[in-house]
Amino acid sequence: MSSRLVETVVPARLGSGFRWLLASSWISNLGDGIAIAAGPLLVASQTHDAFLVALAALLQWLPPLVFGLYAGALADRLDRRLLVVVVDLLRAAVLVVLALSVLTGVVSIAVVLVAMFLLGTAEVFADTTSSTLLPMLVHRDDLAVANSRLQTGFITVNQLAGPPLGAALFATATAVPFATQAVLVALGAALISRLSVPRPGGHPGEGEQGPGQVGRDVLEGFRWVWHHAAVRTLVLTIFIFNITFGAAWSVLVLYATQRLGMGALGFGLLTTVSAVGGLIGTLSYGWITQRISLGDLMRVGLVVETLTHLALALTTSSRIAMAIFFVFGAHAFIWGTTSVTVRQRAVPSHLQGRVGGVNLIGVFGGLVVGSGVGGVLAQHGGVTAPFWFAFAGSAVFVVLIWRQLSHIAHDEPVPLAR
């Protein structure tokens, strides 16, 4: 029975390397899920200053914008397996220092903020490089299934199991969740070290590691995306839809409390419902992709997200909102799995890191712009104004790119346009 279950979850055709990668991903994500709750609780225990609390959040999502492109360039030039192992061990070391500072009573808000920035930076390099390993381990036709398994673990342990465990551990002893995360991250690094993957091939100038060469690498990644119509459209879509998403979700806590009349517990329930929807979506992903092409799946997803903004702008019912969040959660993780799969299938191995870095800029650049727009709109037009903006902006963009979506998912790798 157990062997059949393992075969169902992780088919043998995906290879032993993928199983090591999956185990590492799930274990590391459990540690990151613990930090989702424990990190903010530690910040709140050190300060009640709203600016410092907001700064802590900023220092966690700022690193992708600052280091995303550089991380992608390094992933394409260095031993990817070794890079992930080294970065995760450094991340574990930072967590050990943070746990010891808490345990000895020398922790301060400054120490916490520095630790969060260092952890966020390390995570950029680890995640960017890890995403390039999958296409090196499984066949192109199996990327959709492999990505769905990674997403299933992310939802289960990072979104559902990790946060309540982190809160419980923090309540037991403040240092425990960070020490636990350190152990989990180090174990993830040990599992990655079991992989056997080749160095990225086809890269000119191997051995040149100066800042100028890295800069040329980054530019090469931008040029490749610009000249590749399918991936360019995908990155642009992610950027635009993250502007609309960021605008609406930046005021979500106000929307939940003021518009829906939900308290803190209710707001947390929205996140939980969304994660459950995501779990259902990823578990059924293989069945869905056998019946719907990736191009059509992307079209459906963008329509669902557009209508989600409209429905939330109209409703005042918490029950209806939770149903919407369930559907949106399924869409979000199906879309995420699809977009990653499409990009991995289209991009040559030696450019996976740099193109992933460009994609990362699109993701977080859109969120930053959208958050600013959402705050201004909510301040002047009320809490539903960002949702109306998100609906209108998404609808217009879907119409503009509708025809292009049909061929994106079937595009083949192309050489760098000179």
Protein backbone atom coordinates (compact mmCIF):
# COMPACT_ATOMS: atom_id res chain seq x y z
CA MET A 1 0.00 0.00 0.00
CA SER A 2 2.77 2.44 0.96
CA SER A 3 4.68 1.74 -2.26
CA ARG A 4 1.54 2.38 -4.31
CA LEU A 5 0.98 5.65 -2.45
CA VAL A 6 4.57 6.75 -3.12
CA GLU A 7 4.17 5.83 -6.79
CA THR A 8 0.96 7.87 -6.99
CA VAL A 9 2.45 10.94 -5.33
CA VAL A 10 5.92 10.69 -6.88
CA PRO A 11 5.86 8.45 -9.99
CA ALA A 12 9.08 6.49 -10.54
CA ARG A 13 9.42 7.95 -14.04
CA LEU A 14 10.26 11.32 -12.44
CA GLY A 15 13.46 9.79 -11.09
CA SER A 16 15.19 9.55 -7.72
CA GLY A 17 16.69 13.01 -8.18
CA PHE A 18 13.24 14.56 -8.22
CA ARG A 19 12.33 12.71 -5.03
CA TRP A 20 15.34 14.22 -3.26
CA LEU A 21 14.37 17.67 -4.59
CA LEU A 22 10.75 17.21 -3.52
CA ALA A 23 11.71 16.05 -0.02
CA SER A 24 14.05 19.02 0.36
CA SER A 25 11.37 21.43 -0.86
CA TRP A 26 8.70 20.12 1.51
CA ILE A 27 11.01 20.17 4.53
CA SER A 28 12.34 23.66 3.79
CA ASN A 29 8.81 24.92 3.17
CA LEU A 30 7.74 23.65 6.58
CA GLY A 31 10.48 25.78 8.11
CA ASP A 32 9.41 28.79 6.05
CA GLY A 33 5.79 28.19 7.07
CA ILE A 34 6.82 28.25 10.73
CA ALA A 35 8.48 31.62 10.09
CA ILE A 36 5.30 33.06 8.53
CA ALA A 37 3.75 33.17 12.01
CA ALA A 38 6.83 33.29 14.24
CA GLY A 39 8.55 36.17 12.38
CA PRO A 40 5.77 38.77 12.81
CA LEU A 41 5.19 37.61 16.39
CA LEU A 42 8.88 38.21 17.18
CA VAL A 43 8.73 41.66 15.60
CA ALA A 44 5.59 42.52 17.60
CA SER A 45 7.30 41.36 20.80
CA GLN A 46 10.13 43.84 20.18
CA THR A 47 8.20 46.93 19.05
CA HIS A 48 4.73 48.41 18.67
CA ASP A 49 5.94 51.07 16.21
CA ALA A 50 3.82 50.69 13.06
CA PHE A 51 6.67 51.93 10.86
CA LEU A 52 9.09 49.30 12.17
CA VAL A 53 6.47 46.57 11.80
CA ALA A 54 5.91 47.62 8.17
CA LEU A 55 9.69 47.86 7.66
CA ALA A 56 10.06 44.25 8.76
CA ALA A 57 7.66 43.16 6.02
CA LEU A 58 9.43 45.38 3.49
CA LEU A 59 12.82 43.87 4.30
CA GLN A 60 11.47 40.41 3.46
CA TRP A 61 10.12 41.19 -0.03
CA LEU A 62 12.68 43.83 -1.00
CA PRO A 63 15.53 41.32 -1.67
CA PRO A 64 13.87 39.81 -4.79
CA LEU A 65 13.84 43.25 -6.40
CA VAL A 66 17.41 44.02 -5.37
CA PHE A 67 19.08 40.64 -5.90
CA GLY A 68 16.73 38.68 -8.19
CA LEU A 69 18.64 39.34 -11.42
CA TYR A 70 22.03 38.75 -9.81
CA ALA A 71 20.79 35.49 -8.26
CA GLY A 72 19.60 34.32 -11.67
CA ALA A 73 22.97 35.14 -13.27
CA LEU A 74 24.88 33.22 -10.60
CA ALA A 75 22.55 30.23 -10.98
CA ASP A 76 23.50 30.06 -14.66
CA ARG A 77 27.25 30.29 -14.03
CA LEU A 78 27.87 28.19 -10.91
CA ASP A 79 27.17 24.67 -9.72
CA ARG A 80 23.45 24.97 -8.98
CA ARG A 81 23.29 22.14 -6.47
CA LEU A 82 26.26 23.48 -4.52
CA LEU A 83 24.88 27.03 -4.60
CA VAL A 84 21.58 25.94 -3.02
CA VAL A 85 23.40 23.91 -0.36
CA VAL A 86 25.74 26.77 0.59
CA VAL A 87 22.98 29.39 0.70
CA ASP A 88 20.69 27.18 2.79
CA LEU A 89 23.49 26.47 5.26
CA LEU A 90 24.14 30.21 5.55
CA ARG A 91 20.41 30.72 6.13
CA ALA A 92 20.47 28.08 8.86
CA ALA A 93 23.44 29.86 10.47
CA VAL A 94 21.54 33.18 10.56
CA LEU A 95 18.59 31.40 12.19
CA VAL A 96 20.85 29.83 14.82
CA VAL A 97 22.31 33.25 15.67
CA LEU A 98 18.80 34.72 15.88
CA ALA A 99 17.60 31.88 18.13
CA LEU A 100 20.65 32.28 20.41
CA SER A 101 20.12 36.05 20.65
CA VAL A 102 16.53 35.42 21.73
CA LEU A 103 17.54 32.70 24.16
CA THR A 104 20.24 34.85 25.80
CA GLY A 105 18.04 37.95 25.93
CA VAL A 106 20.26 40.15 23.73
CA VAL A 107 17.75 40.31 20.87
CA SER A 108 16.51 43.74 19.75
CA ILE A 109 14.37 45.08 16.93
CA ALA A 110 17.57 46.00 15.06
CA VAL A 111 18.83 42.41 15.28
CA VAL A 112 15.47 41.09 14.09
CA LEU A 113 15.34 43.48 11.12
CA VAL A 114 18.87 42.63 10.01
CA ALA A 115 18.13 38.91 10.35
CA MET A 116 14.97 39.23 8.26
CA PHE A 117 16.82 41.03 5.49
CA LEU A 118 19.58 38.42 5.46
CA LEU A 119 17.05 35.57 5.46
CA GLY A 120 15.04 37.20 2.67
CA THR A 121 18.21 37.68 0.61
CA ALA A 122 19.33 34.09 1.10
CA GLU A 123 15.87 32.84 0.16
CA VAL A 124 16.06 34.71 -3.16
CA PHE A 125 19.27 32.91 -4.13
CA ALA A 126 18.00 29.54 -2.86
CA ASP A 127 14.58 29.72 -4.52
CA THR A 128 15.87 31.13 -7.82
CA THR A 129 18.49 28.41 -8.12
CA SER A 130 16.18 25.61 -6.92
CA SER A 131 13.69 26.46 -9.66
CA THR A 132 16.42 25.80 -12.29
CA LEU A 133 17.09 22.29 -10.96
CA LEU A 134 13.74 20.79 -11.89
CA PRO A 135 14.13 20.99 -15.71
CA MET A 136 17.50 19.25 -15.28
CA LEU A 137 15.93 16.33 -13.40
CA VAL A 138 12.68 15.47 -15.17
CA HIS A 139 11.57 15.16 -18.78
CA ARG A 140 9.98 18.19 -20.41
CA ASP A 141 6.62 16.41 -20.69
CA ASP A 142 6.62 15.70 -16.93
CA LEU A 143 7.29 19.27 -15.79
CA ALA A 144 3.60 20.01 -15.18
CA VAL A 145 3.17 17.00 -12.89
CA ALA A 146 6.47 17.65 -11.08
CA ASN A 147 5.61 21.31 -10.47
CA SER A 148 2.17 20.36 -9.16
CA ARG A 149 3.80 18.03 -6.61
CA LEU A 150 6.08 20.84 -5.46
CA GLN A 151 3.08 23.17 -5.18
CA THR A 152 1.11 20.58 -3.19
CA GLY A 153 3.87 20.46 -0.61
CA PHE A 154 4.10 24.25 -0.55
CA ILE A 155 0.40 24.63 0.20
CA THR A 156 0.22 21.79 2.71
CA VAL A 157 3.26 22.55 4.85
CA ASN A 158 3.96 26.23 4.12
CA GLN A 159 0.45 27.63 4.04
CA LEU A 160 -1.59 25.22 6.17
CA ALA A 161 0.65 23.35 8.64
CA GLY A 162 3.56 25.75 9.10
CA PRO A 163 1.89 28.94 10.43
CA PRO A 164 -0.15 27.34 13.26
CA LEU A 165 2.89 25.24 14.21
CA GLY A 166 5.04 28.36 14.25
CA ALA A 167 2.56 30.18 16.50
CA ALA A 168 2.37 27.19 18.85
CA LEU A 169 6.16 26.89 19.07
CA PHE A 170 6.50 30.63 19.68
CA ALA A 171 3.99 30.38 22.54
CA THR A 172 6.05 27.54 24.03
CA ALA A 173 9.35 29.45 23.91
CA THR A 174 10.30 32.40 21.74
CA ALA A 175 13.53 30.87 20.43
CA VAL A 176 12.10 27.43 19.58
CA PRO A 177 10.50 28.20 16.17
CA PHE A 178 13.70 29.75 14.83
CA ALA A 179 15.86 26.89 16.08
CA THR A 180 13.38 24.46 14.51
CA GLN A 181 13.48 26.32 11.21
CA ALA A 182 17.30 26.24 11.28
CA VAL A 183 17.24 22.44 11.63
CA LEU A 184 14.69 22.05 8.82
CA VAL A 185 16.60 24.32 6.43
CA ALA A 186 19.86 22.48 7.15
CA LEU A 187 18.12 19.15 6.55
CA GLY A 188 16.78 20.50 3.25
CA ALA A 189 20.35 21.41 2.26
CA ALA A 190 21.52 17.89 3.12
CA LEU A 191 18.83 16.39 0.87
CA ILE A 192 19.76 18.70 -2.03
CA SER A 193 23.38 17.59 -1.66
CA ARG A 194 22.26 14.09 -2.71
CA LEU A 195 21.39 15.33 -6.20
CA SER A 196 23.59 14.65 -9.20
CA VAL A 197 23.09 17.33 -11.84
CA PRO A 198 25.35 18.64 -14.63
CA ARG A 199 26.56 22.21 -14.76
CA PRO A 200 24.47 24.44 -17.05
CA GLY A 201 25.64 23.86 -20.61
CA GLY A 202 25.98 26.15 -23.58
CA HIS A 203 27.22 29.15 -21.66
CA PRO A 204 29.98 31.21 -23.25
CA GLY A 205 32.83 32.66 -21.29
CA GLU A 206 32.86 29.98 -18.57
CA GLY A 207 35.18 30.92 -15.75
CA GLU A 208 34.77 34.71 -16.07
CA GLN A 209 33.17 35.79 -12.82
CA GLY A 210 33.81 39.53 -12.63
CA PRO A 211 31.05 42.10 -12.02
CA GLY A 212 31.17 43.17 -15.66
CA GLN A 213 30.63 39.62 -16.88
CA VAL A 214 27.70 39.13 -14.48
CA GLY A 215 26.23 42.37 -15.77
CA ARG A 216 26.48 41.06 -19.34
CA ASP A 217 24.82 37.84 -18.20
CA VAL A 218 21.89 39.79 -16.75
CA LEU A 219 21.57 41.81 -19.95
CA GLU A 220 21.63 38.59 -21.98
CA GLY A 221 18.71 37.29 -19.94
CA PHE A 222 16.71 40.46 -20.59
CA ARG A 223 17.52 40.31 -24.30
CA TRP A 224 16.44 36.69 -24.55
CA VAL A 225 13.09 37.46 -22.88
CA TRP A 226 12.56 40.49 -25.10
CA HIS A 227 13.17 38.51 -28.30
CA HIS A 228 11.10 35.50 -27.22
CA ALA A 229 7.47 36.47 -27.84
CA ALA A 230 5.90 33.75 -25.69
CA VAL A 231 8.03 34.28 -22.57
CA ARG A 232 7.88 38.07 -23.01
CA THR A 233 4.09 37.88 -23.00
CA LEU A 234 4.16 35.61 -19.95
CA VAL A 235 6.40 37.96 -17.94
CA LEU A 236 4.34 40.98 -18.98
CA THR A 237 1.14 39.18 -17.98
CA ILE A 238 2.57 38.36 -14.55
CA PHE A 239 3.70 41.96 -14.09
CA ILE A 240 0.35 43.50 -15.04
CA PHE A 241 -1.75 41.00 -13.10
CA ASN A 242 0.42 41.46 -10.03
CA ILE A 243 -0.23 45.20 -10.23
CA THR A 244 -3.98 44.56 -10.17
CA PHE A 245 -3.65 41.78 -7.59
CA GLY A 246 -1.34 43.87 -5.40
CA ALA A 247 -3.71 46.83 -5.52
CA ALA A 248 -6.64 44.75 -4.26
CA TRP A 249 -4.77 42.55 -1.79
CA SER A 250 -2.85 45.48 -0.24
CA VAL A 251 -6.07 46.54 1.55
CA LEU A 252 -7.44 43.05 2.08
CA VAL A 253 -7.33 43.28 5.87
CA LEU A 254 -9.36 46.52 5.72
CA TYR A 255 -11.74 44.97 3.20
CA ALA A 256 -12.30 41.96 5.46
CA THR A 257 -12.91 44.02 8.61
CA GLN A 258 -14.75 47.04 7.19
CA ARG A 259 -16.60 45.65 4.17
CA LEU A 260 -17.28 42.09 5.32
CA GLY A 261 -17.42 42.76 9.07
CA MET A 262 -14.92 39.99 9.86
CA GLY A 263 -12.53 40.16 12.78
CA ALA A 264 -8.92 39.01 12.96
CA LEU A 265 -9.99 35.36 13.13
CA GLY A 266 -12.21 35.79 10.09
CA PHE A 267 -9.41 37.44 8.15
CA GLY A 268 -7.16 34.48 8.91
CA LEU A 269 -9.95 32.17 7.79
CA LEU A 270 -9.93 33.77 4.32
CA THR A 271 -6.28 32.82 3.94
CA THR A 272 -6.97 29.28 5.14
CA VAL A 273 -9.90 28.84 2.75
CA SER A 274 -7.74 30.08 -0.11
CA ALA A 275 -4.99 27.60 0.79
CA VAL A 276 -7.50 24.73 0.90
CA GLY A 277 -8.72 25.73 -2.56
CA GLY A 278 -5.12 25.74 -3.73
CA LEU A 279 -4.56 22.26 -2.34
CA ILE A 280 -7.61 20.94 -4.19
CA GLY A 281 -6.42 22.66 -7.36
CA THR A 282 -2.92 21.21 -7.28
CA LEU A 283 -4.09 17.70 -6.35
CA SER A 284 -6.35 17.71 -9.42
CA TYR A 285 -3.77 19.38 -11.66
CA GLY A 286 -2.73 16.18 -13.45
CA TRP A 287 -6.36 15.32 -14.23
CA ILE A 288 -7.01 18.88 -15.46
CA THR A 289 -3.99 19.04 -17.78
CA GLN A 290 -4.98 15.75 -19.40
CA ARG A 291 -8.21 17.39 -20.54
CA ILE A 292 -7.35 21.07 -20.99
CA SER A 293 -4.34 22.48 -22.86
CA LEU A 294 -1.98 24.71 -20.91
CA GLY A 295 -2.86 27.63 -23.18
CA ASP A 296 -6.59 27.26 -22.46
CA LEU A 297 -5.83 26.75 -18.78
CA MET A 298 -4.02 30.09 -18.72
CA ARG A 299 -6.98 31.77 -20.41
CA VAL A 300 -9.43 30.33 -17.89
CA GLY A 301 -7.19 31.36 -15.00
CA LEU A 302 -6.96 34.99 -16.09
CA VAL A 303 -10.74 35.16 -16.53
CA VAL A 304 -11.24 33.67 -13.06
CA GLU A 305 -8.89 36.22 -11.49
CA THR A 306 -10.60 39.09 -13.32
CA LEU A 307 -14.05 37.95 -12.15
CA THR A 308 -12.72 37.44 -8.62
CA HIS A 309 -11.98 41.15 -8.34
CA LEU A 310 -15.46 42.01 -9.65
CA ALA A 311 -17.21 39.60 -7.26
CA LEU A 312 -15.31 40.90 -4.23
CA ALA A 313 -16.07 44.49 -5.22
CA LEU A 314 -19.80 43.68 -5.28
CA THR A 315 -20.32 41.39 -2.29
CA THR A 316 -20.76 42.31 1.37
CA SER A 317 -21.30 38.71 2.50
CA SER A 318 -18.47 36.95 4.32
CA ARG A 319 -19.82 33.54 3.23
CA ILE A 320 -19.82 34.51 -0.43
CA ALA A 321 -16.35 36.00 0.00
CA MET A 322 -15.03 32.74 1.45
CA ALA A 323 -16.45 30.81 -1.50
CA ILE A 324 -14.73 33.28 -3.84
CA PHE A 325 -11.45 32.86 -1.97
CA PHE A 326 -11.72 29.07 -2.25
CA VAL A 327 -12.05 29.33 -6.04
CA PHE A 328 -9.33 31.97 -6.22
CA GLY A 329 -6.98 29.77 -4.18
CA ALA A 330 -7.45 26.93 -6.65
CA HIS A 331 -6.84 29.32 -9.55
CA ALA A 332 -3.76 30.92 -7.97
CA PHE A 333 -1.87 27.68 -7.53
CA ILE A 334 -3.01 26.19 -10.85
CA TRP A 335 -1.89 29.38 -12.60
CA GLY A 336 1.40 29.39 -10.69
CA THR A 337 2.13 25.79 -11.63
CA THR A 338 1.19 26.43 -15.26
CA SER A 339 3.27 29.59 -15.66
CA VAL A 340 6.36 27.97 -14.13
CA THR A 341 5.93 24.93 -16.36
CA VAL A 342 5.50 27.05 -19.49
CA ARG A 343 8.63 29.06 -18.69
CA GLN A 344 10.73 25.99 -17.88
CA ARG A 345 9.69 24.30 -21.12
CA ALA A 346 10.52 27.31 -23.28
CA VAL A 347 13.81 28.46 -21.75
CA PRO A 348 17.16 26.74 -22.53
CA SER A 349 18.88 25.20 -19.51
CA HIS A 350 21.78 27.67 -19.41
CA LEU A 351 19.35 30.63 -19.30
CA GLN A 352 16.89 29.28 -16.71
CA GLY A 353 18.38 31.30 -13.85
CA ARG A 354 18.53 34.64 -15.65
CA VAL A 355 15.07 34.36 -17.18
CA GLY A 356 13.78 33.30 -13.76
CA GLY A 357 15.36 36.46 -12.35
CA VAL A 358 13.60 38.62 -14.95
CA ASN A 359 10.34 36.86 -14.07
CA LEU A 360 11.00 37.56 -10.38
CA ILE A 361 11.34 41.27 -11.12
CA GLY A 362 7.97 41.10 -12.88
CA VAL A 363 6.37 39.38 -9.88
CA PHE A 364 7.61 41.68 -7.15
CA GLY A 365 7.75 44.82 -9.28
CA GLY A 366 4.05 44.38 -10.00
CA LEU A 367 3.26 43.82 -6.32
CA VAL A 368 5.17 46.92 -5.24
CA VAL A 369 3.47 49.14 -7.85
CA GLY A 370 0.08 47.61 -7.14
CA SER A 371 0.38 48.08 -3.39
CA GLY A 372 1.08 51.78 -3.87
CA VAL A 373 -1.85 52.18 -6.27
CA GLY A 374 -4.17 50.27 -3.93
CA GLY A 375 -3.29 52.41 -0.94
CA VAL A 376 -3.97 55.65 -2.81
CA LEU A 377 -7.24 54.39 -4.29
CA ALA A 378 -8.52 53.11 -0.94
CA GLN A 379 -7.64 56.36 0.76
CA HIS A 380 -9.58 58.47 -1.74
CA GLY A 381 -12.24 56.11 -3.10
CA GLY A 382 -13.00 53.70 -0.30
CA VAL A 383 -11.98 50.13 0.44
CA THR A 384 -13.61 48.68 -2.70
CA ALA A 385 -11.93 51.11 -5.11
CA PRO A 386 -8.79 48.93 -5.51
CA PHE A 387 -10.99 45.95 -6.41
CA TRP A 388 -12.81 47.93 -9.11
CA PHE A 389 -9.42 49.06 -10.45
CA ALA A 390 -8.19 45.46 -10.39
CA PHE A 391 -11.25 44.25 -12.29
CA ALA A 392 -11.07 46.95 -14.97
CA GLY A 393 -7.30 46.66 -15.45
CA SER A 394 -7.37 42.87 -15.62
CA ALA A 395 -10.29 42.81 -18.06
CA VAL A 396 -8.63 45.22 -20.47
CA PHE A 397 -5.34 43.31 -20.41
CA VAL A 398 -7.04 39.92 -20.92
CA VAL A 399 -8.72 41.26 -24.06
CA LEU A 400 -5.40 42.59 -25.38
CA ILE A 401 -3.44 39.32 -24.95
CA TRP A 402 -6.25 36.79 -25.49
CA ARG A 403 -5.04 35.57 -28.91
CA GLN A 404 -1.40 35.34 -27.84
CA LEU A 405 -2.17 32.97 -24.97
CA SER A 406 -3.10 30.13 -27.33
CA HIS A 407 0.47 29.50 -28.48
CA ILE A 408 2.46 30.38 -25.35
CA ALA A 409 2.21 26.98 -23.72
CA HIS A 410 3.37 25.13 -26.84
CA ASP A 411 6.39 27.23 -27.66
CA GLU A 412 9.72 25.44 -28.05
CA PRO A 413 13.13 26.63 -26.79
CA VAL A 414 14.79 29.07 -29.18
CA PRO A 415 18.40 30.26 -29.36
CA LEU A 416 19.40 33.69 -28.14
CA ALA A 417 18.52 36.34 -30.71
CA ARG A 418 21.63 38.29 -31.64
